[in-house]
Amino acid sequence: MGGKTSTASRTRYNAKTYERLVLNLRMDSPQSKKAIEEAAEKAGESATAYVVEAVRRRMEQEQNPGVIKNWDSDTASTE
């Protein structure tokens, strides 16, 4: 028992490999879980991938103020 795909094996792997971040979202907010899931589906992504990409973009923007990035690799200065 306890092969590579056992629940215990996956749990151990996930504990070593991933960090968890819990978000508490108001149900009546424009950024509710349902709204995020719908936007992610429309973009053809999982909700996790959608949120991670939004965070990545925000972090990049804050590291490079004054630069507007076209997500197809072009950059333009706002100065």
PDB file of N, CA and C in Angstrom:
ATOM      1  N   MET A   1       0.840  -1.194   0.000  1.00  0.00           N
ATOM      2  CA  MET A   1       0.000   0.000   0.000  1.00  0.00           C
ATOM      3  C   MET A   1       0.875   1.243   0.000  1.00  0.00           C
ATOM      4  N   GLY A   2       0.275   2.381  -0.306  1.00  0.00           N
ATOM      5  CA  GLY A   2       1.000   3.637  -0.278  1.00  0.00           C
ATOM      6  C   GLY A   2       1.851   3.858  -1.508  1.00  0.00           C
ATOM      7  N   GLY A   3       1.313   3.537  -2.682  1.00  0.00           N
ATOM      8  CA  GLY A   3       2.053   3.742  -3.926  1.00  0.00           C
ATOM      9  C   GLY A   3       2.247   5.225  -4.223  1.00  0.00           C
ATOM     10  N   LYS A   4       2.869   5.510  -5.356  1.00  0.00           N
ATOM     11  CA  LYS A   4       3.203   6.887  -5.712  1.00  0.00           C
ATOM     12  C   LYS A   4       2.006   7.824  -5.764  1.00  0.00           C
ATOM     13  N   THR A   5       0.848   7.302  -6.072  1.00  0.00           N
ATOM     14  CA  THR A   5      -0.307   8.183  -6.204  1.00  0.00           C
ATOM     15  C   THR A   5      -1.231   8.117  -4.993  1.00  0.00           C
ATOM     16  N   SER A   6      -0.760   7.548  -3.913  1.00  0.00           N
ATOM     17  CA  SER A   6      -1.612   7.486  -2.728  1.00  0.00           C
ATOM     18  C   SER A   6      -1.830   8.892  -2.173  1.00  0.00           C
ATOM     19  N   THR A   7      -2.902   9.067  -1.451  1.00  0.00           N
ATOM     20  CA  THR A   7      -3.217  10.357  -0.847  1.00  0.00           C
ATOM     21  C   THR A   7      -2.088  10.819   0.062  1.00  0.00           C
ATOM     22  N   ALA A   8      -1.538   9.924   0.850  1.00  0.00           N
ATOM     23  CA  ALA A   8      -0.448  10.292   1.754  1.00  0.00           C
ATOM     24  C   ALA A   8       0.777  10.773   0.973  1.00  0.00           C
ATOM     25  N   SER A   9       1.096  10.104  -0.128  1.00  0.00           N
ATOM     26  CA  SER A   9       2.238  10.510  -0.956  1.00  0.00           C
ATOM     27  C   SER A   9       2.011  11.888  -1.555  1.00  0.00           C
ATOM     28  N   ARG A  10       0.827  12.120  -2.078  1.00  0.00           N
ATOM     29  CA  ARG A  10       0.516  13.437  -2.660  1.00  0.00           C
ATOM     30  C   ARG A  10       0.553  14.524  -1.604  1.00  0.00           C
ATOM     31  N   THR A  11       0.038  14.223  -0.422  1.00  0.00           N
ATOM     32  CA  THR A  11       0.046  15.203   0.664  1.00  0.00           C
ATOM     33  C   THR A  11       1.470  15.577   1.053  1.00  0.00           C
ATOM     34  N   ARG A  12       2.348  14.588   1.177  1.00  0.00           N
ATOM     35  CA  ARG A  12       3.755  14.869   1.507  1.00  0.00           C
ATOM     36  C   ARG A  12       4.419  15.690   0.418  1.00  0.00           C
ATOM     37  N   TYR A  13       4.190  15.307  -0.836  1.00  0.00           N
ATOM     38  CA  TYR A  13       4.768  16.042  -1.970  1.00  0.00           C
ATOM     39  C   TYR A  13       4.286  17.492  -1.971  1.00  0.00           C
ATOM     40  N   ASN A  14       2.992  17.693  -1.830  1.00  0.00           N
ATOM     41  CA  ASN A  14       2.434  19.044  -1.839  1.00  0.00           C
ATOM     42  C   ASN A  14       2.978  19.880  -0.683  1.00  0.00           C
ATOM     43  N   ALA A  15       3.143  19.277   0.481  1.00  0.00           N
ATOM     44  CA  ALA A  15       3.666  19.998   1.646  1.00  0.00           C
ATOM     45  C   ALA A  15       5.094  20.480   1.406  1.00  0.00           C
ATOM     46  N   LYS A  16       5.905  19.702   0.693  1.00  0.00           N
ATOM     47  CA  LYS A  16       7.285  20.097   0.419  1.00  0.00           C
ATOM     48  C   LYS A  16       7.408  21.048  -0.751  1.00  0.00           C
ATOM     49  N   THR A  17       6.451  21.028  -1.651  1.00  0.00           N
ATOM     50  CA  THR A  17       6.592  21.710  -2.931  1.00  0.00           C
ATOM     51  C   THR A  17       5.834  23.028  -3.023  1.00  0.00           C
ATOM     52  N   TYR A  18       4.708  23.109  -2.381  1.00  0.00           N
ATOM     53  CA  TYR A  18       3.835  24.267  -2.544  1.00  0.00           C
ATOM     54  C   TYR A  18       3.623  25.006  -1.235  1.00  0.00           C
ATOM     55  N   GLU A  19       3.351  26.315  -1.366  1.00  0.00           N
ATOM     56  CA  GLU A  19       2.897  27.116  -0.238  1.00  0.00           C
ATOM     57  C   GLU A  19       1.434  27.455  -0.496  1.00  0.00           C
ATOM     58  N   ARG A  20       0.688  27.604   0.562  1.00  0.00           N
ATOM     59  CA  ARG A  20      -0.720  27.934   0.416  1.00  0.00           C
ATOM     60  C   ARG A  20      -0.945  29.374   0.828  1.00  0.00           C
ATOM     61  N   LEU A  21      -1.853  30.031   0.138  1.00  0.00           N
ATOM     62  CA  LEU A  21      -2.267  31.384   0.455  1.00  0.00           C
ATOM     63  C   LEU A  21      -3.790  31.393   0.428  1.00  0.00           C
ATOM     64  N   VAL A  22      -4.394  31.691   1.555  1.00  0.00           N
ATOM     65  CA  VAL A  22      -5.852  31.681   1.657  1.00  0.00           C
ATOM     66  C   VAL A  22      -6.362  33.105   1.464  1.00  0.00           C
ATOM     67  N   LEU A  23      -7.330  33.273   0.596  1.00  0.00           N
ATOM     68  CA  LEU A  23      -7.954  34.572   0.364  1.00  0.00           C
ATOM     69  C   LEU A  23      -9.374  34.543   0.910  1.00  0.00           C
ATOM     70  N   ASN A  24      -9.715  35.549   1.671  1.00  0.00           N
ATOM     71  CA  ASN A  24     -11.091  35.706   2.131  1.00  0.00           C
ATOM     72  C   ASN A  24     -11.728  36.786   1.274  1.00  0.00           C
ATOM     73  N   LEU A  25     -12.697  36.393   0.464  1.00  0.00           N
ATOM     74  CA  LEU A  25     -13.329  37.301  -0.484  1.00  0.00           C
ATOM     75  C   LEU A  25     -14.790  37.503  -0.108  1.00  0.00           C
ATOM     76  N   ARG A  26     -15.198  38.743  -0.074  1.00  0.00           N
ATOM     77  CA  ARG A  26     -16.611  39.024   0.228  1.00  0.00           C
ATOM     78  C   ARG A  26     -17.475  38.556  -0.945  1.00  0.00           C
ATOM     79  N   MET A  27     -18.552  37.914  -0.625  1.00  0.00           N
ATOM     80  CA  MET A  27     -19.448  37.399  -1.661  1.00  0.00           C
ATOM     81  C   MET A  27     -20.106  38.523  -2.453  1.00  0.00           C
ATOM     82  N   ASP A  28     -20.298  39.699  -1.835  1.00  0.00           N
ATOM     83  CA  ASP A  28     -20.966  40.808  -2.512  1.00  0.00           C
ATOM     84  C   ASP A  28     -19.965  41.769  -3.161  1.00  0.00           C
ATOM     85  N   SER A  29     -18.697  41.391  -3.226  1.00  0.00           N
ATOM     86  CA  SER A  29     -17.654  42.228  -3.814  1.00  0.00           C
ATOM     87  C   SER A  29     -17.542  41.962  -5.314  1.00  0.00           C
ATOM     88  N   PRO A  30     -17.115  42.963  -6.095  1.00  0.00           N
ATOM     89  CA  PRO A  30     -16.858  42.716  -7.515  1.00  0.00           C
ATOM     90  C   PRO A  30     -15.732  41.697  -7.722  1.00  0.00           C
ATOM     91  N   GLN A  31     -14.893  41.500  -6.718  1.00  0.00           N
ATOM     92  CA  GLN A  31     -13.805  40.525  -6.794  1.00  0.00           C
ATOM     93  C   GLN A  31     -14.155  39.272  -5.993  1.00  0.00           C
ATOM     94  N   SER A  32     -15.375  38.816  -6.098  1.00  0.00           N
ATOM     95  CA  SER A  32     -15.810  37.612  -5.395  1.00  0.00           C
ATOM     96  C   SER A  32     -15.195  36.374  -6.038  1.00  0.00           C
ATOM     97  N   LYS A  33     -15.257  35.271  -5.334  1.00  0.00           N
ATOM     98  CA  LYS A  33     -14.744  34.010  -5.872  1.00  0.00           C
ATOM     99  C   LYS A  33     -15.424  33.689  -7.204  1.00  0.00           C
ATOM    100  N   LYS A  34     -16.722  33.863  -7.259  1.00  0.00           N
ATOM    101  CA  LYS A  34     -17.472  33.564  -8.484  1.00  0.00           C
ATOM    102  C   LYS A  34     -17.006  34.452  -9.632  1.00  0.00           C
ATOM    103  N   ALA A  35     -16.799  35.739  -9.371  1.00  0.00           N
ATOM    104  CA  ALA A  35     -16.355  36.662 -10.418  1.00  0.00           C
ATOM    105  C   ALA A  35     -14.963  36.299 -10.922  1.00  0.00           C
ATOM    106  N   ILE A  36     -14.068  35.930 -10.018  1.00  0.00           N
ATOM    107  CA  ILE A  36     -12.711  35.533 -10.405  1.00  0.00           C
ATOM    108  C   ILE A  36     -12.752  34.251 -11.224  1.00  0.00           C
ATOM    109  N   GLU A  37     -13.536  33.276 -10.777  1.00  0.00           N
ATOM    110  CA  GLU A  37     -13.638  32.019 -11.525  1.00  0.00           C
ATOM    111  C   GLU A  37     -14.211  32.242 -12.922  1.00  0.00           C
ATOM    112  N   GLU A  38     -15.202  33.128 -13.043  1.00  0.00           N
ATOM    113  CA  GLU A  38     -15.795  33.416 -14.353  1.00  0.00           C
ATOM    114  C   GLU A  38     -14.780  34.120 -15.259  1.00  0.00           C
ATOM    115  N   ALA A  39     -14.040  35.077 -14.713  1.00  0.00           N
ATOM    116  CA  ALA A  39     -13.020  35.783 -15.511  1.00  0.00           C
ATOM    117  C   ALA A  39     -11.917  34.819 -15.938  1.00  0.00           C
ATOM    118  N   ALA A  40     -11.520  33.929 -15.041  1.00  0.00           N
ATOM    119  CA  ALA A  40     -10.479  32.948 -15.365  1.00  0.00           C
ATOM    120  C   ALA A  40     -10.955  32.010 -16.469  1.00  0.00           C
ATOM    121  N   GLU A  41     -12.186  31.555 -16.362  1.00  0.00           N
ATOM    122  CA  GLU A  41     -12.735  30.659 -17.392  1.00  0.00           C
ATOM    123  C   GLU A  41     -12.777  31.368 -18.750  1.00  0.00           C
ATOM    124  N   LYS A  42     -13.187  32.630 -18.738  1.00  0.00           N
ATOM    125  CA  LYS A  42     -13.240  33.411 -19.974  1.00  0.00           C
ATOM    126  C   LYS A  42     -11.844  33.557 -20.588  1.00  0.00           C
ATOM    127  N   ALA A  43     -10.820  33.649 -19.728  1.00  0.00           N
ATOM    128  CA  ALA A  43      -9.431  33.770 -20.196  1.00  0.00           C
ATOM    129  C   ALA A  43      -8.818  32.412 -20.519  1.00  0.00           C
ATOM    130  N   GLY A  44      -9.566  31.340 -20.256  1.00  0.00           N
ATOM    131  CA  GLY A  44      -9.060  30.000 -20.538  1.00  0.00           C
ATOM    132  C   GLY A  44      -8.021  29.533 -19.536  1.00  0.00           C
ATOM    133  N   GLU A  45      -8.117  30.022 -18.297  1.00  0.00           N
ATOM    134  CA  GLU A  45      -7.154  29.680 -17.247  1.00  0.00           C
ATOM    135  C   GLU A  45      -7.877  29.138 -16.025  1.00  0.00           C
ATOM    136  N   SER A  46      -7.114  28.492 -15.164  1.00  0.00           N
ATOM    137  CA  SER A  46      -7.661  28.126 -13.862  1.00  0.00           C
ATOM    138  C   SER A  46      -7.718  29.391 -13.011  1.00  0.00           C
ATOM    139  N   ALA A  47      -8.520  29.360 -11.957  1.00  0.00           N
ATOM    140  CA  ALA A  47      -8.598  30.510 -11.053  1.00  0.00           C
ATOM    141  C   ALA A  47      -7.229  30.789 -10.432  1.00  0.00           C
ATOM    142  N   THR A  48      -6.501  29.752 -10.090  1.00  0.00           N
ATOM    143  CA  THR A  48      -5.167  29.926  -9.506  1.00  0.00           C
ATOM    144  C   THR A  48      -4.235  30.607 -10.498  1.00  0.00           C
ATOM    145  N   ALA A  49      -4.192  30.134 -11.726  1.00  0.00           N
ATOM    146  CA  ALA A  49      -3.320  30.732 -12.743  1.00  0.00           C
ATOM    147  C   ALA A  49      -3.707  32.184 -12.991  1.00  0.00           C
ATOM    148  N   TYR A  50      -4.989  32.476 -12.994  1.00  0.00           N
ATOM    149  CA  TYR A  50      -5.479  33.827 -13.229  1.00  0.00           C
ATOM    150  C   TYR A  50      -5.014  34.772 -12.123  1.00  0.00           C
ATOM    151  N   VAL A  51      -5.156  34.350 -10.878  1.00  0.00           N
ATOM    152  CA  VAL A  51      -4.758  35.181  -9.738  1.00  0.00           C
ATOM    153  C   VAL A  51      -3.241  35.341  -9.700  1.00  0.00           C
ATOM    154  N   VAL A  52      -2.504  34.269  -9.926  1.00  0.00           N
ATOM    155  CA  VAL A  52      -1.038  34.345  -9.903  1.00  0.00           C
ATOM    156  C   VAL A  52      -0.547  35.308 -10.987  1.00  0.00           C
ATOM    157  N   GLU A  53      -1.132  35.265 -12.175  1.00  0.00           N
ATOM    158  CA  GLU A  53      -0.732  36.176 -13.252  1.00  0.00           C
ATOM    159  C   GLU A  53      -1.046  37.626 -12.885  1.00  0.00           C
ATOM    160  N   ALA A  54      -2.188  37.868 -12.264  1.00  0.00           N
ATOM    161  CA  ALA A  54      -2.532  39.231 -11.841  1.00  0.00           C
ATOM    162  C   ALA A  54      -1.531  39.748 -10.804  1.00  0.00           C
ATOM    163  N   VAL A  55      -1.142  38.897  -9.879  1.00  0.00           N
ATOM    164  CA  VAL A  55      -0.163  39.282  -8.861  1.00  0.00           C
ATOM    165  C   VAL A  55       1.191  39.530  -9.515  1.00  0.00           C
ATOM    166  N   ARG A  56       1.602  38.666 -10.435  1.00  0.00           N
ATOM    167  CA  ARG A  56       2.882  38.840 -11.120  1.00  0.00           C
ATOM    168  C   ARG A  56       2.926  40.176 -11.851  1.00  0.00           C
ATOM    169  N   ARG A  57       1.860  40.499 -12.552  1.00  0.00           N
ATOM    170  CA  ARG A  57       1.808  41.772 -13.284  1.00  0.00           C
ATOM    171  C   ARG A  57       1.886  42.958 -12.329  1.00  0.00           C
ATOM    172  N   ARG A  58       1.162  42.892 -11.233  1.00  0.00           N
ATOM    173  CA  ARG A  58       1.181  43.984 -10.251  1.00  0.00           C
ATOM    174  C   ARG A  58       2.569  44.150  -9.659  1.00  0.00           C
ATOM    175  N   MET A  59       3.208  43.063  -9.311  1.00  0.00           N
ATOM    176  CA  MET A  59       4.553  43.136  -8.741  1.00  0.00           C
ATOM    177  C   MET A  59       5.539  43.720  -9.762  1.00  0.00           C
ATOM    178  N   GLU A  60       5.421  43.307 -11.011  1.00  0.00           N
ATOM    179  CA  GLU A  60       6.299  43.833 -12.061  1.00  0.00           C
ATOM    180  C   GLU A  60       6.064  45.323 -12.257  1.00  0.00           C
ATOM    181  N   GLN A  61       4.814  45.730 -12.244  1.00  0.00           N
ATOM    182  CA  GLN A  61       4.467  47.137 -12.411  1.00  0.00           C
ATOM    183  C   GLN A  61       5.056  47.975 -11.274  1.00  0.00           C
ATOM    184  N   GLU A  62       4.991  47.483 -10.061  1.00  0.00           N
ATOM    185  CA  GLU A  62       5.511  48.227  -8.920  1.00  0.00           C
ATOM    186  C   GLU A  62       7.038  48.295  -8.924  1.00  0.00           C
ATOM    187  N   GLN A  63       7.690  47.320  -9.559  1.00  0.00           N
ATOM    188  CA  GLN A  63       9.148  47.345  -9.658  1.00  0.00           C
ATOM    189  C   GLN A  63       9.612  48.267 -10.780  1.00  0.00           C
ATOM    190  N   ASN A  64       8.744  48.573 -11.733  1.00  0.00           N
ATOM    191  CA  ASN A  64       9.091  49.405 -12.887  1.00  0.00           C
ATOM    192  C   ASN A  64       8.080  50.540 -13.053  1.00  0.00           C
ATOM    193  N   PRO A  65       8.012  51.462 -12.072  1.00  0.00           N
ATOM    194  CA  PRO A  65       7.015  52.538 -12.196  1.00  0.00           C
ATOM    195  C   PRO A  65       7.315  53.421 -13.410  1.00  0.00           C
ATOM    196  N   GLY A  66       6.281  53.936 -14.027  1.00  0.00           N
ATOM    197  CA  GLY A  66       6.446  54.795 -15.191  1.00  0.00           C
ATOM    198  C   GLY A  66       6.555  54.045 -16.502  1.00  0.00           C
ATOM    199  N   VAL A  67       6.502  52.721 -16.456  1.00  0.00           N
ATOM    200  CA  VAL A  67       6.578  51.929 -17.682  1.00  0.00           C
ATOM    201  C   VAL A  67       5.274  51.167 -17.838  1.00  0.00           C
ATOM    202  N   ILE A  68       4.661  51.345 -18.983  1.00  0.00           N
ATOM    203  CA  ILE A  68       3.449  50.591 -19.293  1.00  0.00           C
ATOM    204  C   ILE A  68       3.873  49.446 -20.183  1.00  0.00           C
ATOM    205  N   LYS A  69       3.551  48.248 -19.802  1.00  0.00           N
ATOM    206  CA  LYS A  69       3.977  47.091 -20.577  1.00  0.00           C
ATOM    207  C   LYS A  69       2.792  46.531 -21.347  1.00  0.00           C
ATOM    208  N   ASN A  70       3.006  46.411 -22.641  1.00  0.00           N
ATOM    209  CA  ASN A  70       2.069  45.682 -23.471  1.00  0.00           C
ATOM    210  C   ASN A  70       2.420  44.216 -23.241  1.00  0.00           C
ATOM    211  N   TRP A  71       1.524  43.409 -22.807  1.00  0.00           N
ATOM    212  CA  TRP A  71       1.838  42.049 -22.359  1.00  0.00           C
ATOM    213  C   TRP A  71       2.320  41.150 -23.497  1.00  0.00           C
ATOM    214  N   ASP A  72       2.456  41.736 -24.695  1.00  0.00           N
ATOM    215  CA  ASP A  72       3.057  41.002 -25.805  1.00  0.00           C
ATOM    216  C   ASP A  72       4.530  41.375 -25.957  1.00  0.00           C
ATOM    217  N   SER A  73       5.159  41.826 -24.868  1.00  0.00           N
ATOM    218  CA  SER A  73       6.597  42.107 -24.776  1.00  0.00           C
ATOM    219  C   SER A  73       7.017  43.515 -25.145  1.00  0.00           C
ATOM    220  N   ASP A  74       6.120  44.379 -25.537  1.00  0.00           N
ATOM    221  CA  ASP A  74       6.501  45.747 -25.846  1.00  0.00           C
ATOM    222  C   ASP A  74       6.414  46.602 -24.585  1.00  0.00           C
ATOM    223  N   THR A  75       7.301  47.584 -24.454  1.00  0.00           N
ATOM    224  CA  THR A  75       7.237  48.501 -23.331  1.00  0.00           C
ATOM    225  C   THR A  75       7.218  49.925 -23.867  1.00  0.00           C
ATOM    226  N   ALA A  76       6.542  50.786 -23.147  1.00  0.00           N
ATOM    227  CA  ALA A  76       6.507  52.195 -23.506  1.00  0.00           C
ATOM    228  C   ALA A  76       6.587  53.008 -22.222  1.00  0.00           C
ATOM    229  N   SER A  77       7.418  54.010 -22.200  1.00  0.00           N
ATOM    230  CA  SER A  77       7.570  54.857 -21.037  1.00  0.00           C
ATOM    231  C   SER A  77       6.421  55.843 -20.987  1.00  0.00           C
ATOM    232  N   THR A  78       5.965  56.183 -19.790  1.00  0.00           N
ATOM    233  CA  THR A  78       4.905  57.173 -19.643  1.00  0.00           C
ATOM    234  C   THR A  78       5.510  58.550 -19.404  1.00  0.00           C
ATOM    235  N   GLU A  79       6.822  58.638 -19.411  1.00  0.00           N
ATOM    236  CA  GLU A  79       7.507  59.915 -19.145  1.00  0.00           C
ATOM    237  C   GLU A  79       7.859  60.631 -20.412  1.00  0.00           C
TER     238      GLU A  79
END
